[in-house]
Amino acid sequence: MMQLFTERYVQKDLAAFLDLFADDIIFEFPYAPAPNPKRLDGKAAMQQYLERLEGVLEIHSFTTPIIHVSANSPVFFAQFEARGTNLEKDSPYEQHYISVVEVKDGRISRYQDYWNPLAI
């Protein structure tokens, strides 16, 4: 699932990317500095956020995610890196992510995105 996540994001296929998520997705950014949101509720909120992000950040590539599976649980942990461009600053963007992902009925139902806000 994370391979599709990274591929669809880089390909800028927003519809296919959003199809990975449940309609009632909870997407959290625990380390997001103000005025950025710390939580998005629902696929519509995610779509609006991603559309705004297009003018701020362009991801060119992700590393292959390393997945850690939680025993007897629909939760897994993913570690990966991104490279791209901060469009507002016209500078390189390099980020390390650790994500906590919960899957329900074949779709991502909760996503906690732990990233370094200093990389922005």
C-alpha atoms as a PDB file:
ATOM      1  CA  MET A   1       0.000   0.000   0.000  1.00  0.00           C
ATOM      2  CA  MET A   2       2.808   2.455   0.821  1.00  0.00           C
ATOM      3  CA  GLN A   3       4.442   1.806  -2.539  1.00  0.00           C
ATOM      4  CA  LEU A   4       1.186   2.905  -4.197  1.00  0.00           C
ATOM      5  CA  PHE A   5       1.045   5.874  -1.810  1.00  0.00           C
ATOM      6  CA  THR A   6       4.482   7.130  -2.856  1.00  0.00           C
ATOM      7  CA  GLU A   7       4.058   6.338  -6.577  1.00  0.00           C
ATOM      8  CA  ARG A   8       0.683   8.030  -6.930  1.00  0.00           C
ATOM      9  CA  TYR A   9       1.839  11.083  -5.016  1.00  0.00           C
ATOM     10  CA  VAL A  10       4.924  11.577  -7.202  1.00  0.00           C
ATOM     11  CA  GLN A  11       2.853  11.000 -10.352  1.00  0.00           C
ATOM     12  CA  LYS A  12       0.467  13.749  -9.140  1.00  0.00           C
ATOM     13  CA  ASP A  13      -2.495  11.430  -9.680  1.00  0.00           C
ATOM     14  CA  LEU A  14      -4.646  13.024  -6.988  1.00  0.00           C
ATOM     15  CA  ALA A  15      -7.737  10.902  -7.691  1.00  0.00           C
ATOM     16  CA  ALA A  16      -5.791   7.628  -7.516  1.00  0.00           C
ATOM     17  CA  PHE A  17      -3.907   8.854  -4.443  1.00  0.00           C
ATOM     18  CA  LEU A  18      -7.114   9.773  -2.627  1.00  0.00           C
ATOM     19  CA  ASP A  19      -8.598   6.401  -3.564  1.00  0.00           C
ATOM     20  CA  LEU A  20      -6.151   4.817  -1.105  1.00  0.00           C
ATOM     21  CA  PHE A  21      -8.018   6.487   1.784  1.00  0.00           C
ATOM     22  CA  ALA A  22     -11.345   5.861   3.494  1.00  0.00           C
ATOM     23  CA  ASP A  23     -13.929   8.614   3.067  1.00  0.00           C
ATOM     24  CA  ASP A  24     -13.707   9.347   6.809  1.00  0.00           C
ATOM     25  CA  ILE A  25      -9.890   9.346   6.911  1.00  0.00           C
ATOM     26  CA  ILE A  26      -8.227  10.990   9.888  1.00  0.00           C
ATOM     27  CA  PHE A  27      -4.889  12.386   8.740  1.00  0.00           C
ATOM     28  CA  GLU A  28      -2.710  13.868  11.485  1.00  0.00           C
ATOM     29  CA  PHE A  29       0.450  15.969  11.477  1.00  0.00           C
ATOM     30  CA  PRO A  30       1.588  15.966  15.132  1.00  0.00           C
ATOM     31  CA  TYR A  31       4.642  18.172  14.481  1.00  0.00           C
ATOM     32  CA  ALA A  32       3.042  20.677  12.100  1.00  0.00           C
ATOM     33  CA  PRO A  33       3.825  24.266  13.093  1.00  0.00           C
ATOM     34  CA  ALA A  34       1.109  26.941  13.021  1.00  0.00           C
ATOM     35  CA  PRO A  35      -0.658  27.927  10.850  1.00  0.00           C
ATOM     36  CA  ASN A  36      -0.555  24.449   9.278  1.00  0.00           C
ATOM     37  CA  PRO A  37      -3.305  22.032  10.324  1.00  0.00           C
ATOM     38  CA  LYS A  38      -2.534  19.311  12.830  1.00  0.00           C
ATOM     39  CA  ARG A  39      -5.471  17.195  11.672  1.00  0.00           C
ATOM     40  CA  LEU A  40      -7.590  16.681   8.576  1.00  0.00           C
ATOM     41  CA  ASP A  41     -10.975  14.988   8.901  1.00  0.00           C
ATOM     42  CA  GLY A  42     -12.321  13.294   5.801  1.00  0.00           C
ATOM     43  CA  LYS A  43     -11.241  12.870   2.219  1.00  0.00           C
ATOM     44  CA  ALA A  44     -12.609  16.274   1.142  1.00  0.00           C
ATOM     45  CA  ALA A  45     -10.394  18.047   3.703  1.00  0.00           C
ATOM     46  CA  MET A  46      -7.428  16.010   2.489  1.00  0.00           C
ATOM     47  CA  GLN A  47      -8.097  16.967  -1.111  1.00  0.00           C
ATOM     48  CA  GLN A  48      -8.256  20.685  -0.240  1.00  0.00           C
ATOM     49  CA  TYR A  49      -5.012  20.407   1.728  1.00  0.00           C
ATOM     50  CA  LEU A  50      -3.222  18.591  -1.099  1.00  0.00           C
ATOM     51  CA  GLU A  51      -4.401  21.126  -3.661  1.00  0.00           C
ATOM     52  CA  ARG A  52      -2.952  23.954  -1.539  1.00  0.00           C
ATOM     53  CA  LEU A  53       0.267  21.986  -1.016  1.00  0.00           C
ATOM     54  CA  GLU A  54       0.832  21.776  -4.787  1.00  0.00           C
ATOM     55  CA  GLY A  55       1.906  25.420  -4.806  1.00  0.00           C
ATOM     56  CA  VAL A  56       4.245  24.986  -1.847  1.00  0.00           C
ATOM     57  CA  LEU A  57       6.015  21.679  -2.273  1.00  0.00           C
ATOM     58  CA  GLU A  58       6.891  19.409  -5.163  1.00  0.00           C
ATOM     59  CA  ILE A  59       8.063  15.885  -4.351  1.00  0.00           C
ATOM     60  CA  HIS A  60      10.297  14.366  -7.036  1.00  0.00           C
ATOM     61  CA  SER A  61      10.984  11.012  -5.386  1.00  0.00           C
ATOM     62  CA  PHE A  62      10.500   8.825  -2.331  1.00  0.00           C
ATOM     63  CA  THR A  63      12.739   6.043  -1.122  1.00  0.00           C
ATOM     64  CA  THR A  64      11.236   2.582  -0.935  1.00  0.00           C
ATOM     65  CA  PRO A  65       9.295   2.499   2.338  1.00  0.00           C
ATOM     66  CA  ILE A  66      10.505   0.219   5.107  1.00  0.00           C
ATOM     67  CA  ILE A  67       7.428  -1.313   6.711  1.00  0.00           C
ATOM     68  CA  HIS A  68       7.139  -2.511  10.308  1.00  0.00           C
ATOM     69  CA  VAL A  69       4.026  -4.589  10.904  1.00  0.00           C
ATOM     70  CA  SER A  70       2.191  -4.478  14.214  1.00  0.00           C
ATOM     71  CA  ALA A  71       1.238  -7.966  15.429  1.00  0.00           C
ATOM     72  CA  ASN A  72      -2.485  -8.776  15.362  1.00  0.00           C
ATOM     73  CA  SER A  73      -3.395  -5.228  14.424  1.00  0.00           C
ATOM     74  CA  PRO A  74      -4.468  -3.285  11.329  1.00  0.00           C
ATOM     75  CA  VAL A  75      -1.644  -0.818  12.061  1.00  0.00           C
ATOM     76  CA  PHE A  76       1.793  -0.647  10.459  1.00  0.00           C
ATOM     77  CA  PHE A  77       4.697   1.784  10.607  1.00  0.00           C
ATOM     78  CA  ALA A  78       6.477   3.099   7.534  1.00  0.00           C
ATOM     79  CA  GLN A  79       9.860   4.797   7.267  1.00  0.00           C
ATOM     80  CA  PHE A  80      10.813   6.601   4.073  1.00  0.00           C
ATOM     81  CA  GLU A  81      12.449   9.730   2.721  1.00  0.00           C
ATOM     82  CA  ALA A  82      11.405  12.315   0.166  1.00  0.00           C
ATOM     83  CA  ARG A  83      13.309  14.619  -2.116  1.00  0.00           C
ATOM     84  CA  GLY A  84      11.862  17.551  -3.942  1.00  0.00           C
ATOM     85  CA  THR A  85      11.629  21.318  -4.098  1.00  0.00           C
ATOM     86  CA  ASN A  86      10.238  23.863  -1.686  1.00  0.00           C
ATOM     87  CA  LEU A  87       8.509  26.039  -4.280  1.00  0.00           C
ATOM     88  CA  GLU A  88       8.025  29.012  -1.964  1.00  0.00           C
ATOM     89  CA  LYS A  89      11.737  29.228  -1.174  1.00  0.00           C
ATOM     90  CA  ASP A  90      13.011  27.729  -4.439  1.00  0.00           C
ATOM     91  CA  SER A  91      15.182  25.414  -2.371  1.00  0.00           C
ATOM     92  CA  PRO A  92      15.745  21.664  -2.087  1.00  0.00           C
ATOM     93  CA  TYR A  93      13.361  19.713   0.115  1.00  0.00           C
ATOM     94  CA  GLU A  94      14.672  16.628   1.890  1.00  0.00           C
ATOM     95  CA  GLN A  95      12.495  14.957   4.462  1.00  0.00           C
ATOM     96  CA  HIS A  96      12.529  11.833   6.644  1.00  0.00           C
ATOM     97  CA  TYR A  97       9.119  10.434   7.507  1.00  0.00           C
ATOM     98  CA  ILE A  98       7.847   7.966  10.034  1.00  0.00           C
ATOM     99  CA  SER A  99       4.184   7.224   9.519  1.00  0.00           C
ATOM    100  CA  VAL A 100       1.731   5.263  11.622  1.00  0.00           C
ATOM    101  CA  VAL A 101      -0.905   3.859   9.287  1.00  0.00           C
ATOM    102  CA  GLU A 102      -4.161   2.089  10.100  1.00  0.00           C
ATOM    103  CA  VAL A 103      -6.025   0.168   7.404  1.00  0.00           C
ATOM    104  CA  LYS A 104      -9.699  -0.746   7.447  1.00  0.00           C
ATOM    105  CA  ASP A 105     -11.552  -2.507   4.626  1.00  0.00           C
ATOM    106  CA  GLY A 106      -8.561  -2.147   2.303  1.00  0.00           C
ATOM    107  CA  ARG A 107      -8.260   1.635   2.692  1.00  0.00           C
ATOM    108  CA  ILE A 108      -6.172   3.854   4.951  1.00  0.00           C
ATOM    109  CA  SER A 109      -8.473   4.969   7.764  1.00  0.00           C
ATOM    110  CA  ARG A 110      -5.961   6.819   9.941  1.00  0.00           C
ATOM    111  CA  TYR A 111      -2.565   8.241   9.068  1.00  0.00           C
ATOM    112  CA  GLN A 112      -0.183   9.911  11.496  1.00  0.00           C
ATOM    113  CA  ASP A 113       2.551  11.727   9.617  1.00  0.00           C
ATOM    114  CA  TYR A 114       5.671  12.371  11.720  1.00  0.00           C
ATOM    115  CA  TRP A 115       8.038  14.671   9.837  1.00  0.00           C
ATOM    116  CA  ASN A 116      10.593  17.323  10.658  1.00  0.00           C
ATOM    117  CA  PRO A 117       9.044  20.803  10.289  1.00  0.00           C
ATOM    118  CA  LEU A 118      12.545  22.320  10.136  1.00  0.00           C
ATOM    119  CA  ALA A 119      13.027  20.709   6.716  1.00  0.00           C
ATOM    120  CA  ILE A 120      10.444  23.079   5.252  1.00  0.00           C
END
